[in-house]
PDB file of N, CA and C in Angstrom:
ATOM      1  N   MET A   1     133.361-157.416  12.735  1.00  0.00           N
ATOM      2  CA  MET A   1     132.459-158.329  11.567  1.00  0.00           C
ATOM      3  C   MET A   1     130.985-157.972  11.551  1.00  0.00           C
ATOM      4  N   GLU A   2     130.610-158.173  12.775  1.00  0.00           N
ATOM      5  CA  GLU A   2     129.078-157.629  12.795  1.00  0.00           C
ATOM      6  C   GLU A   2     128.918-156.256  12.556  1.00  0.00           C
ATOM      7  N   ALA A   3     129.614-155.396  12.486  1.00  0.00           N
ATOM      8  CA  ALA A   3     129.304-154.203  12.205  1.00  0.00           C
ATOM      9  C   ALA A   3     129.209-153.681  10.947  1.00  0.00           C
ATOM     10  N   LEU A   4     129.810-154.605  10.121  1.00  0.00           N
ATOM     11  CA  LEU A   4     129.900-154.403   8.444  1.00  0.00           C
ATOM     12  C   LEU A   4     128.474-154.373   7.641  1.00  0.00           C
ATOM     13  N   PRO A   5     127.740-155.310   8.203  1.00  0.00           N
ATOM     14  CA  PRO A   5     126.422-155.276   7.447  1.00  0.00           C
ATOM     15  C   PRO A   5     125.589-153.832   7.883  1.00  0.00           C
ATOM     16  N   PHE A   6     125.848-153.351   9.150  1.00  0.00           N
ATOM     17  CA  PHE A   6     125.101-152.113   9.379  1.00  0.00           C
ATOM     18  C   PHE A   6     125.961-150.818   8.603  1.00  0.00           C
ATOM     19  N   VAL A   7     127.081-150.776   8.633  1.00  0.00           N
ATOM     20  CA  VAL A   7     127.892-149.870   7.626  1.00  0.00           C
ATOM     21  C   VAL A   7     127.424-150.192   5.996  1.00  0.00           C
ATOM     22  N   ALA A   8     127.160-151.312   5.853  1.00  0.00           N
ATOM     23  CA  ALA A   8     126.886-151.180   4.517  1.00  0.00           C
ATOM     24  C   ALA A   8     125.084-150.809   4.192  1.00  0.00           C
ATOM     25  N   ILE A   9     124.564-150.851   5.249  1.00  0.00           N
ATOM     26  CA  ILE A   9     123.227-150.781   5.211  1.00  0.00           C
ATOM     27  C   ILE A   9     123.114-148.778   5.333  1.00  0.00           C
ATOM     28  N   ILE A  10     124.082-148.708   6.203  1.00  0.00           N
ATOM     29  CA  ILE A  10     124.132-146.985   6.112  1.00  0.00           C
ATOM     30  C   ILE A  10     124.433-146.310   5.097  1.00  0.00           C
ATOM     31  N   PHE A  11     125.712-146.607   4.849  1.00  0.00           N
ATOM     32  CA  PHE A  11     126.510-145.953   3.584  1.00  0.00           C
ATOM     33  C   PHE A  11     126.098-146.233   1.996  1.00  0.00           C
ATOM     34  N   ILE A  12     125.555-147.530   1.988  1.00  0.00           N
ATOM     35  CA  ILE A  12     125.153-147.939   0.568  1.00  0.00           C
ATOM     36  C   ILE A  12     123.639-148.109   0.402  1.00  0.00           C
ATOM     37  N   GLY A  13     123.148-148.762   1.289  1.00  0.00           N
ATOM     38  CA  GLY A  13     121.293-149.103   1.007  1.00  0.00           C
ATOM     39  C   GLY A  13     120.741-147.774   1.095  1.00  0.00           C
ATOM     40  N   LEU A  14     120.919-147.116   2.573  1.00  0.00           N
ATOM     41  CA  LEU A  14     120.072-145.747   2.533  1.00  0.00           C
ATOM     42  C   LEU A  14     120.241-144.861   1.599  1.00  0.00           C
ATOM     43  N   PRO A  15     121.386-144.248   0.872  1.00  0.00           N
ATOM     44  CA  PRO A  15     121.326-143.495  -0.305  1.00  0.00           C
ATOM     45  C   PRO A  15     120.906-143.914  -1.436  1.00  0.00           C
ATOM     46  N   TRP A  16     120.919-145.405  -1.473  1.00  0.00           N
ATOM     47  CA  TRP A  16     120.496-145.915  -2.694  1.00  0.00           C
ATOM     48  C   TRP A  16     118.814-145.798  -2.736  1.00  0.00           C
ATOM     49  N   ILE A  17     118.128-146.153  -1.568  1.00  0.00           N
ATOM     50  CA  ILE A  17     116.716-146.162  -1.746  1.00  0.00           C
ATOM     51  C   ILE A  17     116.471-144.536  -1.454  1.00  0.00           C
ATOM     52  N   ILE A  18     117.266-143.514  -0.957  1.00  0.00           N
ATOM     53  CA  ILE A  18     116.854-141.915  -0.919  1.00  0.00           C
ATOM     54  C   ILE A  18     117.096-141.420  -2.289  1.00  0.00           C
ATOM     55  N   PHE A  19     118.008-141.938  -3.004  1.00  0.00           N
ATOM     56  CA  PHE A  19     118.206-141.486  -4.341  1.00  0.00           C
ATOM     57  C   PHE A  19     117.269-142.247  -5.536  1.00  0.00           C
ATOM     58  N   HIS A  20     116.919-143.162  -5.145  1.00  0.00           N
ATOM     59  CA  HIS A  20     115.825-143.774  -5.886  1.00  0.00           C
ATOM     60  C   HIS A  20     114.568-143.420  -5.690  1.00  0.00           C
ATOM     61  N   TYR A  21     113.853-142.898  -4.714  1.00  0.00           N
ATOM     62  CA  TYR A  21     112.828-142.071  -4.577  1.00  0.00           C
ATOM     63  C   TYR A  21     112.777-140.710  -4.991  1.00  0.00           C
ATOM     64  N   VAL A  22     113.951-139.920  -4.746  1.00  0.00           N
ATOM     65  CA  VAL A  22     114.174-138.644  -5.458  1.00  0.00           C
ATOM     66  C   VAL A  22     113.659-138.839  -7.165  1.00  0.00           C
ATOM     67  N   THR A  23     114.470-139.536  -7.581  1.00  0.00           N
ATOM     68  CA  THR A  23     114.267-140.034  -9.009  1.00  0.00           C
ATOM     69  C   THR A  23     112.701-140.181  -9.378  1.00  0.00           C
ATOM     70  N   LYS A  24     112.152-140.966  -8.464  1.00  0.00           N
ATOM     71  CA  LYS A  24     110.644-141.189  -9.043  1.00  0.00           C
ATOM     72  C   LYS A  24     109.899-139.802  -8.830  1.00  0.00           C
ATOM     73  N   TRP A  25     110.142-139.089  -7.827  1.00  0.00           N
ATOM     74  CA  TRP A  25     109.486-137.998  -7.416  1.00  0.00           C
ATOM     75  C   TRP A  25     109.776-137.152  -8.755  1.00  0.00           C
ATOM     76  N   LYS A  26     110.976-136.861  -9.013  1.00  0.00           N
ATOM     77  CA  LYS A  26     111.412-135.889 -10.041  1.00  0.00           C
ATOM     78  C   LYS A  26     110.663-136.380 -11.742  1.00  0.00           C
ATOM     79  N   THR A  27     110.307-137.751 -11.904  1.00  0.00           N
ATOM     80  CA  THR A  27     109.811-138.268 -13.164  1.00  0.00           C
ATOM     81  C   THR A  27     108.470-138.320 -12.845  1.00  0.00           C
ATOM     82  N   ALA A  28     107.715-138.024 -11.655  1.00  0.00           N
ATOM     83  CA  ALA A  28     106.350-138.182 -11.696  1.00  0.00           C
ATOM     84  C   ALA A  28     105.902-136.601 -11.993  1.00  0.00           C
ATOM     85  N   ALA A  29     106.888-135.473 -11.592  1.00  0.00           N
ATOM     86  CA  ALA A  29     106.292-134.195 -11.845  1.00  0.00           C
ATOM     87  C   ALA A  29     106.494-133.917 -12.981  1.00  0.00           C
ATOM     88  N   THR A  30     106.844-134.289 -13.790  1.00  0.00           N
ATOM     89  CA  THR A  30     106.958-134.054 -15.433  1.00  0.00           C
ATOM     90  C   THR A  30     105.816-134.642 -16.281  1.00  0.00           C
ATOM     91  N   ILE A  31     105.615-134.005 -17.500  1.00  0.00           N
ATOM     92  CA  ILE A  31     104.602-134.355 -18.416  1.00  0.00           C
ATOM     93  C   ILE A  31     105.495-135.112 -19.151  1.00  0.00           C
ATOM     94  N   THR A  32     104.822-136.256 -19.600  1.00  0.00           N
ATOM     95  CA  THR A  32     105.306-137.207 -20.813  1.00  0.00           C
ATOM     96  C   THR A  32     104.812-136.630 -21.885  1.00  0.00           C
ATOM     97  N   ASN A  33     105.474-137.130 -23.167  1.00  0.00           N
ATOM     98  CA  ASN A  33     104.890-136.646 -24.676  1.00  0.00           C
ATOM     99  C   ASN A  33     103.499-137.350 -24.675  1.00  0.00           C
ATOM    100  N   ASP A  34     103.079-138.513 -24.364  1.00  0.00           N
ATOM    101  CA  ASP A  34     101.804-138.955 -24.094  1.00  0.00           C
ATOM    102  C   ASP A  34     100.963-137.962 -23.433  1.00  0.00           C
ATOM    103  N   ASP A  35     101.214-137.284 -22.214  1.00  0.00           N
ATOM    104  CA  ASP A  35     100.547-136.642 -21.528  1.00  0.00           C
ATOM    105  C   ASP A  35     100.265-135.346 -22.882  1.00  0.00           C
ATOM    106  N   GLU A  36     101.259-134.751 -23.058  1.00  0.00           N
ATOM    107  CA  GLU A  36     100.851-133.364 -23.995  1.00  0.00           C
ATOM    108  C   GLU A  36     100.088-133.935 -25.125  1.00  0.00           C
ATOM    109  N   VAL A  37     100.216-134.812 -25.997  1.00  0.00           N
ATOM    110  CA  VAL A  37      99.497-135.439 -26.996  1.00  0.00           C
ATOM    111  C   VAL A  37      98.017-135.582 -26.321  1.00  0.00           C
ATOM    112  N   LEU A  38      97.634-136.256 -25.037  1.00  0.00           N
ATOM    113  CA  LEU A  38      96.441-136.065 -24.620  1.00  0.00           C
ATOM    114  C   LEU A  38      95.931-134.898 -24.635  1.00  0.00           C
ATOM    115  N   LEU A  39      96.707-134.080 -23.940  1.00  0.00           N
ATOM    116  CA  LEU A  39      96.284-132.649 -23.290  1.00  0.00           C
ATOM    117  C   LEU A  39      95.661-131.662 -24.627  1.00  0.00           C
ATOM    118  N   GLU A  40      96.583-131.837 -25.767  1.00  0.00           N
ATOM    119  CA  GLU A  40      96.243-131.330 -26.870  1.00  0.00           C
ATOM    120  C   GLU A  40      94.877-131.867 -27.548  1.00  0.00           C
ATOM    121  N   GLU A  41      94.876-133.307 -27.545  1.00  0.00           N
ATOM    122  CA  GLU A  41      93.355-133.588 -28.151  1.00  0.00           C
ATOM    123  C   GLU A  41      92.376-133.267 -27.341  1.00  0.00           C
ATOM    124  N   LEU A  42      92.619-133.382 -26.091  1.00  0.00           N
ATOM    125  CA  LEU A  42      91.526-132.569 -25.179  1.00  0.00           C
ATOM    126  C   LEU A  42      91.153-131.351 -25.203  1.00  0.00           C
ATOM    127  N   TYR A  43      92.051-130.234 -25.637  1.00  0.00           N
ATOM    128  CA  TYR A  43      92.038-128.857 -25.821  1.00  0.00           C
ATOM    129  C   TYR A  43      91.252-128.897 -27.278  1.00  0.00           C
ATOM    130  N   GLN A  44      91.669-129.504 -28.202  1.00  0.00           N
ATOM    131  CA  GLN A  44      90.606-129.537 -29.590  1.00  0.00           C
ATOM    132  C   GLN A  44      89.472-129.832 -29.513  1.00  0.00           C
ATOM    133  N   LEU A  45      89.197-130.813 -28.567  1.00  0.00           N
ATOM    134  CA  LEU A  45      87.795-131.323 -28.665  1.00  0.00           C
ATOM    135  C   LEU A  45      86.662-130.260 -27.679  1.00  0.00           C
ATOM    136  N   ALA A  46      87.699-129.857 -26.625  1.00  0.00           N
ATOM    137  CA  ALA A  46      87.430-128.497 -25.759  1.00  0.00           C
ATOM    138  C   ALA A  46      86.457-127.585 -26.766  1.00  0.00           C
ATOM    139  N   LYS A  47      87.498-126.911 -27.830  1.00  0.00           N
ATOM    140  CA  LYS A  47      87.321-125.587 -28.475  1.00  0.00           C
ATOM    141  C   LYS A  47      86.388-126.272 -29.519  1.00  0.00           C
ATOM    142  N   ARG A  48      86.231-127.470 -30.086  1.00  0.00           N
ATOM    143  CA  ARG A  48      84.930-127.980 -31.229  1.00  0.00           C
ATOM    144  C   ARG A  48      83.723-127.665 -30.255  1.00  0.00           C
ATOM    145  N   LEU A  49      83.691-128.567 -28.963  1.00  0.00           N
ATOM    146  CA  LEU A  49      82.370-128.390 -28.185  1.00  0.00           C
ATOM    147  C   LEU A  49      81.729-127.072 -28.008  1.00  0.00           C
ATOM    148  N   ASP A  50      82.800-126.181 -27.542  1.00  0.00           N
ATOM    149  CA  ASP A  50      82.526-124.782 -27.374  1.00  0.00           C
ATOM    150  C   ASP A  50      81.982-123.838 -28.748  1.00  0.00           C
ATOM    151  N   GLU A  51      82.424-124.289 -29.789  1.00  0.00           N
ATOM    152  CA  GLU A  51      81.998-123.895 -30.937  1.00  0.00           C
ATOM    153  C   GLU A  51      80.562-124.409 -31.432  1.00  0.00           C
ATOM    154  N   ARG A  52      80.404-125.587 -31.180  1.00  0.00           N
ATOM    155  CA  ARG A  52      79.119-126.316 -31.327  1.00  0.00           C
ATOM    156  C   ARG A  52      77.920-125.517 -30.347  1.00  0.00           C
ATOM    157  N   MET A  53      78.262-125.554 -29.242  1.00  0.00           N
ATOM    158  CA  MET A  53      77.449-125.053 -28.108  1.00  0.00           C
ATOM    159  C   MET A  53      76.980-123.568 -28.775  1.00  0.00           C
ATOM    160  N   ASP A  54      77.919-122.510 -28.924  1.00  0.00           N
ATOM    161  CA  ASP A  54      77.658-121.186 -29.563  1.00  0.00           C
ATOM    162  C   ASP A  54      76.580-121.396 -30.737  1.00  0.00           C
ATOM    163  N   THR A  55      76.769-122.403 -31.689  1.00  0.00           N
ATOM    164  CA  THR A  55      76.189-122.699 -32.843  1.00  0.00           C
ATOM    165  C   THR A  55      74.698-123.011 -32.343  1.00  0.00           C
ATOM    166  N   VAL A  56      74.483-123.841 -31.633  1.00  0.00           N
ATOM    167  CA  VAL A  56      73.487-124.460 -30.996  1.00  0.00           C
ATOM    168  C   VAL A  56      72.377-123.285 -30.162  1.00  0.00           C
ATOM    169  N   GLU A  57      73.349-122.604 -29.508  1.00  0.00           N
ATOM    170  CA  GLU A  57      72.551-121.475 -28.898  1.00  0.00           C
ATOM    171  C   GLU A  57      72.146-120.310 -29.777  1.00  0.00           C
ATOM    172  N   ARG A  58      73.247-120.137 -31.155  1.00  0.00           N
ATOM    173  CA  ARG A  58      72.414-119.045 -32.152  1.00  0.00           C
ATOM    174  C   ARG A  58      71.484-119.534 -32.646  1.00  0.00           C
ATOM    175  N   LEU A  59      71.224-121.016 -32.904  1.00  0.00           N
ATOM    176  CA  LEU A  59      70.095-121.411 -33.596  1.00  0.00           C
ATOM    177  C   LEU A  59      68.691-121.275 -33.044  1.00  0.00           C
ATOM    178  N   VAL A  60      68.886-121.579 -31.478  1.00  0.00           N
ATOM    179  CA  VAL A  60      68.007-121.517 -30.759  1.00  0.00           C
ATOM    180  C   VAL A  60      67.390-120.215 -30.467  1.00  0.00           C
ATOM    181  N   ALA A  61      68.171-119.320 -30.415  1.00  0.00           N
ATOM    182  CA  ALA A  61      68.012-117.553 -30.094  1.00  0.00           C
ATOM    183  C   ALA A  61      67.416-116.960 -31.710  1.00  0.00           C
ATOM    184  N   SER A  62      67.537-117.486 -32.668  1.00  0.00           N
ATOM    185  CA  SER A  62      67.264-117.090 -33.919  1.00  0.00           C
ATOM    186  C   SER A  62      65.530-117.546 -34.144  1.00  0.00           C
ATOM    187  N   ASP A  63      65.351-119.038 -33.556  1.00  0.00           N
ATOM    188  CA  ASP A  63      64.109-119.486 -33.594  1.00  0.00           C
ATOM    189  C   ASP A  63      63.142-118.805 -32.530  1.00  0.00           C
ATOM    190  N   ASN A  64      63.801-118.427 -31.574  1.00  0.00           N
ATOM    191  CA  ASN A  64      62.818-117.973 -30.362  1.00  0.00           C
ATOM    192  C   ASN A  64      63.341-116.412 -29.981  1.00  0.00           C
ATOM    193  N   ALA A  65      62.738-115.729 -29.925  1.00  0.00           N
ATOM    194  CA  ALA A  65      63.257-114.652 -29.802  1.00  0.00           C
ATOM    195  C   ALA A  65      63.159-113.954 -28.299  1.00  0.00           C
ATOM    196  N   ASP A  66      62.621-114.580 -27.408  1.00  0.00           N
ATOM    197  CA  ASP A  66      62.520-114.360 -26.331  1.00  0.00           C
ATOM    198  C   ASP A  66      63.776-115.291 -25.240  1.00  0.00           C
ATOM    199  N   PHE A  67      64.745-116.185 -26.422  1.00  0.00           N
ATOM    200  CA  PHE A  67      65.786-116.927 -25.729  1.00  0.00           C
ATOM    201  C   PHE A  67      66.953-115.692 -25.375  1.00  0.00           C
ATOM    202  N   ARG A  68      67.493-115.731 -24.273  1.00  0.00           N
ATOM    203  CA  ARG A  68      68.541-114.989 -24.050  1.00  0.00           C
ATOM    204  C   ARG A  68      69.735-115.765 -23.652  1.00  0.00           C
ATOM    205  N   PRO A  69      70.671-116.566 -24.558  1.00  0.00           N
ATOM    206  CA  PRO A  69      71.487-117.433 -24.066  1.00  0.00           C
ATOM    207  C   PRO A  69      73.054-116.610 -23.272  1.00  0.00           C
ATOM    208  N   ALA A  70      72.883-117.297 -22.052  1.00  0.00           N
ATOM    209  CA  ALA A  70      73.959-116.560 -21.215  1.00  0.00           C
ATOM    210  C   ALA A  70      75.485-116.287 -21.927  1.00  0.00           C
ATOM    211  N   ARG A  71      75.572-117.742 -22.669  1.00  0.00           N
ATOM    212  CA  ARG A  71      76.845-117.712 -23.375  1.00  0.00           C
ATOM    213  C   ARG A  71      77.258-116.741 -24.208  1.00  0.00           C
ATOM    214  N   LEU A  72      76.061-116.144 -25.190  1.00  0.00           N
ATOM    215  CA  LEU A  72      76.343-115.470 -26.341  1.00  0.00           C
ATOM    216  C   LEU A  72      76.478-113.829 -25.430  1.00  0.00           C
ATOM    217  N   GLN A  73      75.872-113.637 -24.654  1.00  0.00           N
ATOM    218  CA  GLN A  73      75.906-112.529 -23.802  1.00  0.00           C
ATOM    219  C   GLN A  73      77.214-111.894 -23.097  1.00  0.00           C
ATOM    220  N   ALA A  74      77.642-113.082 -22.549  1.00  0.00           N
ATOM    221  CA  ALA A  74      78.965-113.212 -21.656  1.00  0.00           C
ATOM    222  C   ALA A  74      80.260-113.647 -22.725  1.00  0.00           C
ATOM    223  N   ASP A  75      79.725-113.594 -24.124  1.00  0.00           N
ATOM    224  CA  ASP A  75      81.127-113.752 -25.090  1.00  0.00           C
ATOM    225  C   ASP A  75      81.661-112.815 -25.374  1.00  0.00           C
ATOM    226  N   ARG A  76      82.430-112.172 -24.586  1.00  0.00           N
ATOM    227  CA  ARG A  76      83.184-110.889 -24.820  1.00  0.00           C
ATOM    228  C   ARG A  76      84.641-111.062 -24.972  1.00  0.00           C
ATOM    229  N   ASP A  77      85.281-110.277 -25.717  1.00  0.00           N
ATOM    230  CA  ASP A  77      86.543-110.553 -25.905  1.00  0.00           C
ATOM    231  C   ASP A  77      87.787-110.486 -24.768  1.00  0.00           C
ATOM    232  N   ILE A  78      87.251-110.032 -24.004  1.00  0.00           N
ATOM    233  CA  ILE A  78      88.014-110.301 -22.623  1.00  0.00           C
ATOM    234  C   ILE A  78      87.867-111.662 -21.939  1.00  0.00           C
ATOM    235  N   ASP A  79      87.035-112.407 -22.532  1.00  0.00           N
ATOM    236  CA  ASP A  79      86.576-113.650 -22.043  1.00  0.00           C
ATOM    237  C   ASP A  79      87.450-114.767 -22.920  1.00  0.00           C
ATOM    238  N   ASN A  80      87.885-114.359 -24.313  1.00  0.00           N
ATOM    239  CA  ASN A  80      88.419-115.093 -24.987  1.00  0.00           C
ATOM    240  C   ASN A  80      89.582-114.880 -25.385  1.00  0.00           C
ATOM    241  N   GLN A  81      90.227-114.005 -24.192  1.00  0.00           N
ATOM    242  CA  GLN A  81      91.830-113.604 -24.464  1.00  0.00           C
ATOM    243  C   GLN A  81      92.538-114.777 -24.085  1.00  0.00           C
ATOM    244  N   PRO A  82      92.161-115.472 -22.983  1.00  0.00           N
ATOM    245  CA  PRO A  82      93.043-116.491 -22.212  1.00  0.00           C
ATOM    246  C   PRO A  82      93.551-118.029 -23.480  1.00  0.00           C
ATOM    247  N   LEU A  83      91.931-118.042 -24.145  1.00  0.00           N
ATOM    248  CA  LEU A  83      92.067-118.896 -25.416  1.00  0.00           C
ATOM    249  C   LEU A  83      92.905-118.569 -26.314  1.00  0.00           C
ATOM    250  N   ARG A  84      92.997-117.494 -26.585  1.00  0.00           N
ATOM    251  CA  ARG A  84      93.884-117.024 -27.932  1.00  0.00           C
ATOM    252  C   ARG A  84      95.257-117.102 -27.408  1.00  0.00           C
ATOM    253  N   GLU A  85      95.404-116.666 -26.078  1.00  0.00           N
ATOM    254  CA  GLU A  85      96.932-116.545 -25.581  1.00  0.00           C
ATOM    255  C   GLU A  85      97.397-118.324 -25.507  1.00  0.00           C
ATOM    256  N   LEU A  86      96.484-119.129 -25.575  1.00  0.00           N
ATOM    257  CA  LEU A  86      96.412-120.517 -25.127  1.00  0.00           C
ATOM    258  C   LEU A  86      97.224-120.960 -26.800  1.00  0.00           C
ATOM    259  N   ASP A  87      96.220-120.631 -27.640  1.00  0.00           N
ATOM    260  CA  ASP A  87      96.344-120.565 -29.244  1.00  0.00           C
ATOM    261  C   ASP A  87      97.979-120.509 -29.210  1.00  0.00           C
ATOM    262  N   ARG A  88      98.263-119.326 -28.994  1.00  0.00           N
ATOM    263  CA  ARG A  88      99.420-118.671 -29.346  1.00  0.00           C
ATOM    264  C   ARG A  88     100.777-119.700 -29.173  1.00  0.00           C
ATOM    265  N   LEU A  89     100.395-119.804 -27.666  1.00  0.00           N
ATOM    266  CA  LEU A  89     101.593-120.843 -27.253  1.00  0.00           C
ATOM    267  C   LEU A  89     101.888-122.163 -27.726  1.00  0.00           C
ATOM    268  N   LEU A  90     100.741-122.892 -28.269  1.00  0.00           N
ATOM    269  CA  LEU A  90     100.428-123.821 -28.846  1.00  0.00           C
ATOM    270  C   LEU A  90     100.962-123.750 -30.577  1.00  0.00           C
ATOM    271  N   ALA A  91     100.492-122.526 -31.031  1.00  0.00           N
ATOM    272  CA  ALA A  91     101.516-122.353 -32.399  1.00  0.00           C
ATOM    273  C   ALA A  91     102.769-122.351 -32.283  1.00  0.00           C
ATOM    274  N   GLU A  92     103.215-121.745 -31.331  1.00  0.00           N
ATOM    275  CA  GLU A  92     104.791-121.473 -31.094  1.00  0.00           C
ATOM    276  C   GLU A  92     105.394-122.693 -30.828  1.00  0.00           C
ATOM    277  N   LYS A  93     104.896-123.476 -29.893  1.00  0.00           N
ATOM    278  CA  LYS A  93     105.641-124.667 -29.569  1.00  0.00           C
ATOM    279  C   LYS A  93     105.625-125.665 -30.776  1.00  0.00           C
ATOM    280  N   GLY A  94     104.813-125.594 -31.858  1.00  0.00           N
ATOM    281  CA  GLY A  94     104.419-126.423 -33.084  1.00  0.00           C
ATOM    282  C   GLY A  94     105.563-126.058 -34.010  1.00  0.00           C
ATOM    283  N   THR A  95     105.973-124.738 -34.124  1.00  0.00           N
ATOM    284  CA  THR A  95     106.906-123.987 -34.832  1.00  0.00           C
ATOM    285  C   THR A  95     108.333-124.731 -34.352  1.00  0.00           C
ATOM    286  N   ARG A  96     108.691-124.971 -32.966  1.00  0.00           N
ATOM    287  CA  ARG A  96     109.906-125.242 -32.502  1.00  0.00           C
ATOM    288  C   ARG A  96     109.987-126.730 -32.610  1.00  0.00           C
ATOM    289  N   LYS A  97     109.194-127.345 -32.965  1.00  0.00           N
ATOM    290  CA  LYS A  97     109.650-128.829 -32.960  1.00  0.00           C
ATOM    291  C   LYS A  97     110.148-129.264 -34.007  1.00  0.00           C
TER     292      LYS A  97
END
């Protein structure tokens, strides 16, 4: 009778604790719908801010001939390729919903 609590702890309690934390770890590693919405909003905000920065640099460059913004000089097609790829992936994801 004294061994019954130890058997219960080993065969019921221990697997219960292990499976509980395995489930917690799996759910913590996934992105929720709220996280996806937040990432989409942040991405759109970053795109708008990037466009605004380009506009400000163009305005300053047009007013001052000596001003050479690094962003406009480095704004090459190869630099924008990852952004276009992300836009394409988001568009595909939007059509699947």
